[in-house]
Amino acid sequence: MHVSQQVAFKAPVKIGDTITVTSEVTGKIAEKRRIMITSTWVNHDGITVMTGKAECFLPA
């Protein structure tokens, strides 16, 4: 479940574009059962179109 999310739009996405998303767990707060994730969206030309960070709650 998302607790918070920040995104930055870097370039336009057009109809027909293929987007590849890469996400990495970049941190955790074990006592609160939360993880931080950083993501990058890249189009078929290798151009970064969006970046983002999210904090997620992991239910028991």
C-alpha atoms as a PDB file:
ATOM      1  CA  MET A   1       0.000   0.000   0.000  1.00  0.00           C
ATOM      2  CA  HIS A   2       1.393   3.414  -0.967  1.00  0.00           C
ATOM      3  CA  VAL A   3       2.071   5.789   1.917  1.00  0.00           C
ATOM      4  CA  SER A   4       3.542   8.540  -0.261  1.00  0.00           C
ATOM      5  CA  GLN A   5       4.735   9.026  -3.811  1.00  0.00           C
ATOM      6  CA  GLN A   6       6.699  11.689  -5.697  1.00  0.00           C
ATOM      7  CA  VAL A   7       7.073  11.749  -9.477  1.00  0.00           C
ATOM      8  CA  ALA A   8       8.841  14.018 -11.944  1.00  0.00           C
ATOM      9  CA  PHE A   9       7.808  14.120 -15.594  1.00  0.00           C
ATOM     10  CA  LYS A  10      10.963  14.512 -17.710  1.00  0.00           C
ATOM     11  CA  ALA A  11       9.764  14.123 -21.321  1.00  0.00           C
ATOM     12  CA  PRO A  12       6.492  13.545 -23.196  1.00  0.00           C
ATOM     13  CA  VAL A  13       5.171  10.049 -23.884  1.00  0.00           C
ATOM     14  CA  LYS A  14       3.507   9.564 -27.251  1.00  0.00           C
ATOM     15  CA  ILE A  15       1.031   7.004 -28.565  1.00  0.00           C
ATOM     16  CA  GLY A  16       2.996   3.962 -29.719  1.00  0.00           C
ATOM     17  CA  ASP A  17       5.938   4.509 -27.336  1.00  0.00           C
ATOM     18  CA  THR A  18       7.220   1.471 -25.473  1.00  0.00           C
ATOM     19  CA  ILE A  19       8.015   2.297 -21.848  1.00  0.00           C
ATOM     20  CA  THR A  20      10.270   0.217 -19.607  1.00  0.00           C
ATOM     21  CA  VAL A  21      10.105   0.746 -15.845  1.00  0.00           C
ATOM     22  CA  THR A  22      12.992  -0.132 -13.548  1.00  0.00           C
ATOM     23  CA  SER A  23      12.348  -0.097  -9.793  1.00  0.00           C
ATOM     24  CA  GLU A  24      14.701  -0.684  -6.888  1.00  0.00           C
ATOM     25  CA  VAL A  25      14.084  -0.985  -3.157  1.00  0.00           C
ATOM     26  CA  THR A  26      16.382   1.724  -1.809  1.00  0.00           C
ATOM     27  CA  GLY A  27      15.577   1.638   1.896  1.00  0.00           C
ATOM     28  CA  LYS A  28      13.479   0.159   4.653  1.00  0.00           C
ATOM     29  CA  ILE A  29      12.078   1.041   8.053  1.00  0.00           C
ATOM     30  CA  ALA A  30      11.626  -2.410   9.571  1.00  0.00           C
ATOM     31  CA  GLU A  31       9.863  -1.300  12.761  1.00  0.00           C
ATOM     32  CA  LYS A  32       7.188   0.497  10.684  1.00  0.00           C
ATOM     33  CA  ARG A  33       7.041  -2.255   8.002  1.00  0.00           C
ATOM     34  CA  ARG A  34       7.840   0.267   5.255  1.00  0.00           C
ATOM     35  CA  ILE A  35      10.108   0.232   2.225  1.00  0.00           C
ATOM     36  CA  MET A  36      11.291   2.997  -0.093  1.00  0.00           C
ATOM     37  CA  ILE A  37      11.312   2.378  -3.852  1.00  0.00           C
ATOM     38  CA  THR A  38      12.979   4.446  -6.591  1.00  0.00           C
ATOM     39  CA  SER A  39      11.706   4.025 -10.163  1.00  0.00           C
ATOM     40  CA  THR A  40      12.765   5.210 -13.615  1.00  0.00           C
ATOM     41  CA  TRP A  41      10.587   5.105 -16.766  1.00  0.00           C
ATOM     42  CA  VAL A  42      12.532   5.016 -20.062  1.00  0.00           C
ATOM     43  CA  ASN A  43      11.139   5.035 -23.597  1.00  0.00           C
ATOM     44  CA  HIS A  44      12.268   2.888 -26.535  1.00  0.00           C
ATOM     45  CA  ASP A  45      14.831   5.565 -27.534  1.00  0.00           C
ATOM     46  CA  GLY A  46      16.529   5.373 -24.115  1.00  0.00           C
ATOM     47  CA  ILE A  47      15.123   8.725 -22.963  1.00  0.00           C
ATOM     48  CA  THR A  48      14.036   8.966 -19.324  1.00  0.00           C
ATOM     49  CA  VAL A  49      10.425  10.136 -19.395  1.00  0.00           C
ATOM     50  CA  MET A  50       9.646   9.956 -15.675  1.00  0.00           C
ATOM     51  CA  THR A  51      11.337   9.323 -12.334  1.00  0.00           C
ATOM     52  CA  GLY A  52       9.764   8.658  -8.988  1.00  0.00           C
ATOM     53  CA  LYS A  53      10.088   7.643  -5.369  1.00  0.00           C
ATOM     54  CA  ALA A  54       7.521   5.866  -3.240  1.00  0.00           C
ATOM     55  CA  GLU A  55       7.170   4.776   0.357  1.00  0.00           C
ATOM     56  CA  CYS A  56       5.077   1.636   0.792  1.00  0.00           C
ATOM     57  CA  PHE A  57       3.568  -0.070   3.838  1.00  0.00           C
ATOM     58  CA  LEU A  58       3.897  -3.861   3.935  1.00  0.00           C
ATOM     59  CA  PRO A  59       0.923  -5.448   5.727  1.00  0.00           C
ATOM     60  CA  ALA A  60       1.538  -8.417   8.005  1.00  0.00           C
END
